[in-house]
Amino acid sequence: MSPHPTLTVRLPAAADGTDLRACRDGRCEVQVSPHDRIPAPSGMGIDTITVTAITADGITLTGTGPGTVVSVAWGGSGQTSYLNDLAITLVAVADGRAVLRLERRSR
């Protein structure tokens, strides 16, 4: 038997790299790791988005603010979830890290 090749999945480069502060304006694409804290844009009802967990194919985030705690978990690259009016898309996940795209939902 021949050995099975190992599939290496690489994350795409995030437009804002690992600069989580780029998300303050409500529009960013960043690479995150567990326990990272993303500052939420003003007016979202939350102050901080914490990366609670990253699995082989998904992510869990928790948004916190005055008197508010909201969590969202989803799997699959390309999937979008919402924390209040903030759309968060899981661009890719690999090796315990993920690339997220955040964008204010237009009204």
N, C-alpha and C. Protein backbone atom coordinates (compact mmCIF):
# COMPACT_ATOMS: atom_id res chain seq x y z
N MET A 1 0.84 -1.19 0.00
CA MET A 1 0.00 0.00 0.00
C MET A 1 0.88 1.25 0.00
N SER A 2 0.46 2.19 -0.80
CA SER A 2 1.20 3.44 -0.80
C SER A 2 0.58 4.38 0.22
N PRO A 3 1.40 5.24 0.81
CA PRO A 3 0.86 6.18 1.80
C PRO A 3 -0.09 7.16 1.14
N HIS A 4 -1.09 7.59 1.89
CA HIS A 4 -2.05 8.56 1.39
C HIS A 4 -1.42 9.95 1.44
N PRO A 5 -1.60 10.73 0.40
CA PRO A 5 -1.07 12.10 0.45
C PRO A 5 -1.84 12.93 1.48
N THR A 6 -1.15 13.81 2.11
CA THR A 6 -1.77 14.70 3.08
C THR A 6 -2.27 15.94 2.38
N LEU A 7 -3.52 16.25 2.59
CA LEU A 7 -4.12 17.43 1.99
C LEU A 7 -3.83 18.64 2.87
N THR A 8 -3.18 19.62 2.30
CA THR A 8 -2.87 20.83 3.05
C THR A 8 -3.81 21.93 2.59
N VAL A 9 -4.59 22.45 3.51
CA VAL A 9 -5.51 23.53 3.21
C VAL A 9 -4.88 24.82 3.74
N ARG A 10 -4.80 25.80 2.88
CA ARG A 10 -4.23 27.09 3.28
C ARG A 10 -5.31 28.15 3.27
N LEU A 11 -5.20 29.04 4.21
CA LEU A 11 -6.15 30.15 4.25
C LEU A 11 -5.80 31.17 3.18
N PRO A 12 -6.80 31.77 2.57
CA PRO A 12 -6.50 32.89 1.66
C PRO A 12 -6.03 34.08 2.50
N ALA A 13 -5.27 34.93 1.89
CA ALA A 13 -4.81 36.13 2.59
C ALA A 13 -6.03 37.02 2.87
N ALA A 14 -6.16 37.48 4.10
CA ALA A 14 -7.24 38.39 4.47
C ALA A 14 -6.83 39.81 4.09
N ALA A 15 -7.76 40.57 3.54
CA ALA A 15 -7.46 41.93 3.07
C ALA A 15 -6.84 42.80 4.17
N ASP A 16 -7.30 42.63 5.42
CA ASP A 16 -6.78 43.42 6.53
C ASP A 16 -5.83 42.63 7.41
N GLY A 17 -5.40 41.46 6.94
CA GLY A 17 -4.46 40.64 7.71
C GLY A 17 -5.03 40.26 9.06
N THR A 18 -4.25 40.48 10.10
CA THR A 18 -4.69 40.18 11.47
C THR A 18 -5.02 41.45 12.25
N ASP A 19 -5.18 42.56 11.54
CA ASP A 19 -5.48 43.85 12.18
C ASP A 19 -6.97 43.92 12.53
N LEU A 20 -7.32 43.41 13.69
CA LEU A 20 -8.72 43.34 14.11
C LEU A 20 -9.33 44.73 14.28
N ARG A 21 -8.52 45.74 14.55
CA ARG A 21 -9.02 47.11 14.69
C ARG A 21 -9.63 47.63 13.39
N ALA A 22 -9.27 47.00 12.26
CA ALA A 22 -9.83 47.41 10.97
C ALA A 22 -11.34 47.22 10.93
N CYS A 23 -11.88 46.42 11.85
CA CYS A 23 -13.31 46.13 11.86
C CYS A 23 -14.15 47.20 12.54
N ARG A 24 -13.53 48.17 13.17
CA ARG A 24 -14.27 49.21 13.89
C ARG A 24 -15.24 49.98 13.01
N ASP A 25 -14.94 50.08 11.71
CA ASP A 25 -15.83 50.83 10.82
C ASP A 25 -16.94 49.97 10.24
N GLY A 26 -16.97 48.68 10.61
CA GLY A 26 -18.04 47.81 10.14
C GLY A 26 -17.78 47.16 8.81
N ARG A 27 -16.54 47.23 8.34
CA ARG A 27 -16.21 46.61 7.05
C ARG A 27 -14.75 46.16 7.11
N CYS A 28 -14.55 44.84 7.11
CA CYS A 28 -13.18 44.33 7.17
C CYS A 28 -13.15 42.86 6.72
N GLU A 29 -11.95 42.40 6.46
CA GLU A 29 -11.71 40.98 6.22
C GLU A 29 -10.44 40.65 6.98
N VAL A 30 -10.56 39.81 8.01
CA VAL A 30 -9.44 39.55 8.90
C VAL A 30 -9.24 38.06 9.15
N GLN A 31 -8.01 37.71 9.49
CA GLN A 31 -7.70 36.35 9.92
C GLN A 31 -7.79 36.32 11.44
N VAL A 32 -8.48 35.31 11.98
CA VAL A 32 -8.68 35.22 13.42
C VAL A 32 -8.26 33.84 13.94
N SER A 33 -8.00 33.82 15.24
CA SER A 33 -7.68 32.60 15.97
C SER A 33 -8.57 32.56 17.21
N PRO A 34 -8.68 31.40 17.86
CA PRO A 34 -9.50 31.34 19.08
C PRO A 34 -9.04 32.38 20.11
N HIS A 35 -10.01 32.96 20.78
CA HIS A 35 -9.84 33.95 21.83
C HIS A 35 -9.55 35.36 21.31
N ASP A 36 -9.45 35.54 19.98
CA ASP A 36 -9.30 36.89 19.45
C ASP A 36 -10.55 37.69 19.78
N ARG A 37 -10.36 39.00 19.99
CA ARG A 37 -11.46 39.90 20.31
C ARG A 37 -11.52 40.98 19.23
N ILE A 38 -12.62 40.98 18.50
CA ILE A 38 -12.82 41.93 17.41
C ILE A 38 -13.68 43.08 17.93
N PRO A 39 -13.20 44.33 17.81
CA PRO A 39 -14.03 45.45 18.24
C PRO A 39 -15.21 45.62 17.28
N ALA A 40 -16.40 45.67 17.83
CA ALA A 40 -17.60 45.83 17.00
C ALA A 40 -17.79 47.30 16.65
N PRO A 41 -18.31 47.57 15.47
CA PRO A 41 -18.59 48.96 15.12
C PRO A 41 -19.69 49.53 16.01
N SER A 42 -19.69 50.84 16.17
CA SER A 42 -20.70 51.48 17.01
C SER A 42 -22.08 51.27 16.42
N GLY A 43 -23.09 51.26 17.30
CA GLY A 43 -24.46 51.14 16.88
C GLY A 43 -24.93 49.71 16.65
N MET A 44 -24.11 48.73 16.97
CA MET A 44 -24.47 47.33 16.75
C MET A 44 -25.12 46.68 17.98
N GLY A 45 -25.09 47.37 19.11
CA GLY A 45 -25.65 46.80 20.34
C GLY A 45 -24.68 45.87 21.05
N ILE A 46 -23.52 45.68 20.46
CA ILE A 46 -22.46 44.90 21.09
C ILE A 46 -21.16 45.68 20.97
N ASP A 47 -20.24 45.45 21.90
CA ASP A 47 -18.96 46.15 21.89
C ASP A 47 -17.83 45.31 21.32
N THR A 48 -17.89 44.00 21.61
CA THR A 48 -16.79 43.11 21.26
C THR A 48 -17.33 41.80 20.73
N ILE A 49 -16.66 41.24 19.72
CA ILE A 49 -16.97 39.91 19.20
C ILE A 49 -15.76 39.04 19.51
N THR A 50 -15.99 37.99 20.30
CA THR A 50 -14.90 37.09 20.68
C THR A 50 -15.00 35.80 19.90
N VAL A 51 -13.86 35.36 19.36
CA VAL A 51 -13.80 34.06 18.67
C VAL A 51 -13.75 33.01 19.77
N THR A 52 -14.86 32.33 19.99
CA THR A 52 -14.97 31.35 21.07
C THR A 52 -14.31 30.04 20.70
N ALA A 53 -14.52 29.59 19.45
CA ALA A 53 -13.94 28.31 19.02
C ALA A 53 -13.84 28.27 17.50
N ILE A 54 -12.84 27.54 17.02
CA ILE A 54 -12.71 27.25 15.60
C ILE A 54 -12.50 25.75 15.48
N THR A 55 -13.35 25.10 14.67
CA THR A 55 -13.22 23.67 14.44
C THR A 55 -12.70 23.45 13.02
N ALA A 56 -12.63 22.21 12.60
CA ALA A 56 -12.12 21.90 11.26
C ALA A 56 -12.94 22.55 10.16
N ASP A 57 -14.24 22.80 10.42
CA ASP A 57 -15.07 23.37 9.36
C ASP A 57 -16.03 24.45 9.83
N GLY A 58 -15.80 25.02 11.00
CA GLY A 58 -16.74 26.03 11.49
C GLY A 58 -16.14 26.94 12.54
N ILE A 59 -16.98 27.83 13.03
CA ILE A 59 -16.54 28.83 14.00
C ILE A 59 -17.69 29.18 14.93
N THR A 60 -17.36 29.56 16.16
CA THR A 60 -18.33 30.07 17.12
C THR A 60 -17.85 31.44 17.59
N LEU A 61 -18.75 32.41 17.54
CA LEU A 61 -18.45 33.78 17.97
C LEU A 61 -19.43 34.18 19.05
N THR A 62 -18.98 35.03 19.97
CA THR A 62 -19.83 35.58 21.01
C THR A 62 -19.70 37.09 21.00
N GLY A 63 -20.83 37.78 20.86
CA GLY A 63 -20.85 39.23 20.92
C GLY A 63 -21.32 39.67 22.28
N THR A 64 -20.62 40.63 22.87
CA THR A 64 -21.00 41.13 24.19
C THR A 64 -21.08 42.66 24.19
N GLY A 65 -21.98 43.15 25.01
CA GLY A 65 -22.15 44.58 25.19
C GLY A 65 -22.88 44.80 26.50
N PRO A 66 -23.23 46.04 26.82
CA PRO A 66 -23.92 46.31 28.08
C PRO A 66 -25.22 45.51 28.18
N GLY A 67 -25.26 44.55 29.09
CA GLY A 67 -26.44 43.74 29.31
C GLY A 67 -26.77 42.78 28.17
N THR A 68 -25.80 42.55 27.27
CA THR A 68 -26.06 41.72 26.09
C THR A 68 -24.99 40.66 25.91
N VAL A 69 -25.42 39.45 25.65
CA VAL A 69 -24.52 38.37 25.22
C VAL A 69 -25.26 37.60 24.14
N VAL A 70 -24.66 37.50 22.96
CA VAL A 70 -25.28 36.77 21.86
C VAL A 70 -24.20 35.91 21.21
N SER A 71 -24.54 34.66 20.93
CA SER A 71 -23.59 33.75 20.31
C SER A 71 -24.13 33.24 18.99
N VAL A 72 -23.22 32.93 18.10
CA VAL A 72 -23.58 32.36 16.81
C VAL A 72 -22.51 31.35 16.43
N ALA A 73 -22.95 30.23 15.90
CA ALA A 73 -22.02 29.19 15.44
C ALA A 73 -22.48 28.71 14.08
N TRP A 74 -21.55 28.49 13.19
CA TRP A 74 -21.90 27.95 11.89
C TRP A 74 -20.67 27.31 11.26
N GLY A 75 -20.94 26.49 10.27
CA GLY A 75 -19.86 25.79 9.58
C GLY A 75 -20.01 25.95 8.09
N GLY A 76 -18.93 25.79 7.42
CA GLY A 76 -18.95 25.85 5.96
C GLY A 76 -18.49 27.18 5.43
N SER A 77 -17.43 27.17 4.70
CA SER A 77 -16.93 28.39 4.08
C SER A 77 -18.00 28.98 3.18
N GLY A 78 -18.06 30.29 3.17
CA GLY A 78 -19.04 31.00 2.36
C GLY A 78 -20.35 31.26 3.07
N GLN A 79 -20.54 30.69 4.24
CA GLN A 79 -21.78 30.89 4.99
C GLN A 79 -21.73 32.24 5.72
N THR A 80 -22.89 32.90 5.79
CA THR A 80 -23.00 34.18 6.47
C THR A 80 -23.98 34.07 7.62
N SER A 81 -23.63 34.68 8.74
CA SER A 81 -24.52 34.77 9.88
C SER A 81 -24.55 36.23 10.31
N TYR A 82 -25.49 36.55 11.20
CA TYR A 82 -25.65 37.94 11.61
C TYR A 82 -25.61 38.08 13.12
N LEU A 83 -24.91 39.11 13.57
CA LEU A 83 -24.97 39.56 14.95
C LEU A 83 -25.57 40.95 14.86
N ASN A 84 -26.82 41.06 15.21
CA ASN A 84 -27.58 42.30 15.03
C ASN A 84 -27.51 42.71 13.57
N ASP A 85 -27.03 43.89 13.25
CA ASP A 85 -26.97 44.34 11.86
C ASP A 85 -25.59 44.15 11.23
N LEU A 86 -24.81 43.25 11.79
CA LEU A 86 -23.48 43.00 11.26
C LEU A 86 -23.46 41.62 10.59
N ALA A 87 -23.23 41.61 9.28
CA ALA A 87 -23.12 40.35 8.53
C ALA A 87 -21.70 39.84 8.67
N ILE A 88 -21.56 38.58 9.06
CA ILE A 88 -20.24 37.97 9.23
C ILE A 88 -20.19 36.73 8.35
N THR A 89 -19.26 36.73 7.40
CA THR A 89 -19.11 35.62 6.48
C THR A 89 -17.83 34.85 6.82
N LEU A 90 -17.97 33.53 6.91
CA LEU A 90 -16.82 32.66 7.10
C LEU A 90 -16.23 32.41 5.72
N VAL A 91 -15.14 33.10 5.41
CA VAL A 91 -14.51 32.99 4.10
C VAL A 91 -13.82 31.64 3.97
N ALA A 92 -13.06 31.26 5.02
CA ALA A 92 -12.33 29.99 4.99
C ALA A 92 -11.89 29.65 6.41
N VAL A 93 -11.64 28.36 6.63
CA VAL A 93 -11.16 27.89 7.92
C VAL A 93 -10.12 26.80 7.68
N ALA A 94 -9.01 26.86 8.43
CA ALA A 94 -7.95 25.85 8.30
C ALA A 94 -6.98 25.97 9.46
N ASP A 95 -6.54 24.83 9.94
CA ASP A 95 -5.46 24.78 10.92
C ASP A 95 -5.72 25.66 12.15
N GLY A 96 -6.97 25.64 12.65
CA GLY A 96 -7.30 26.39 13.86
C GLY A 96 -7.41 27.88 13.68
N ARG A 97 -7.45 28.34 12.45
CA ARG A 97 -7.60 29.76 12.15
C ARG A 97 -8.72 29.93 11.13
N ALA A 98 -9.20 31.15 10.99
CA ALA A 98 -10.27 31.41 10.02
C ALA A 98 -10.10 32.81 9.44
N VAL A 99 -10.68 33.00 8.26
CA VAL A 99 -10.77 34.33 7.67
C VAL A 99 -12.25 34.71 7.69
N LEU A 100 -12.53 35.86 8.29
CA LEU A 100 -13.90 36.38 8.38
C LEU A 100 -14.02 37.68 7.61
N ARG A 101 -15.20 37.88 7.02
CA ARG A 101 -15.51 39.16 6.38
C ARG A 101 -16.70 39.75 7.13
N LEU A 102 -16.54 40.96 7.65
CA LEU A 102 -17.60 41.65 8.38
C LEU A 102 -18.07 42.84 7.56
N GLU A 103 -19.40 43.02 7.55
CA GLU A 103 -19.97 44.13 6.81
C GLU A 103 -21.30 44.52 7.43
N ARG A 104 -21.49 45.82 7.64
CA ARG A 104 -22.78 46.30 8.14
C ARG A 104 -23.88 45.94 7.15
N ARG A 105 -24.99 45.47 7.68
CA ARG A 105 -26.14 45.18 6.81
C ARG A 105 -26.80 46.51 6.45
N SER A 106 -27.01 46.74 5.17
CA SER A 106 -27.63 48.01 4.77
C SER A 106 -29.13 47.95 5.01
N ARG A 107 -29.67 49.06 5.35
CA ARG A 107 -31.10 49.17 5.65
C ARG A 107 -31.80 49.94 4.58
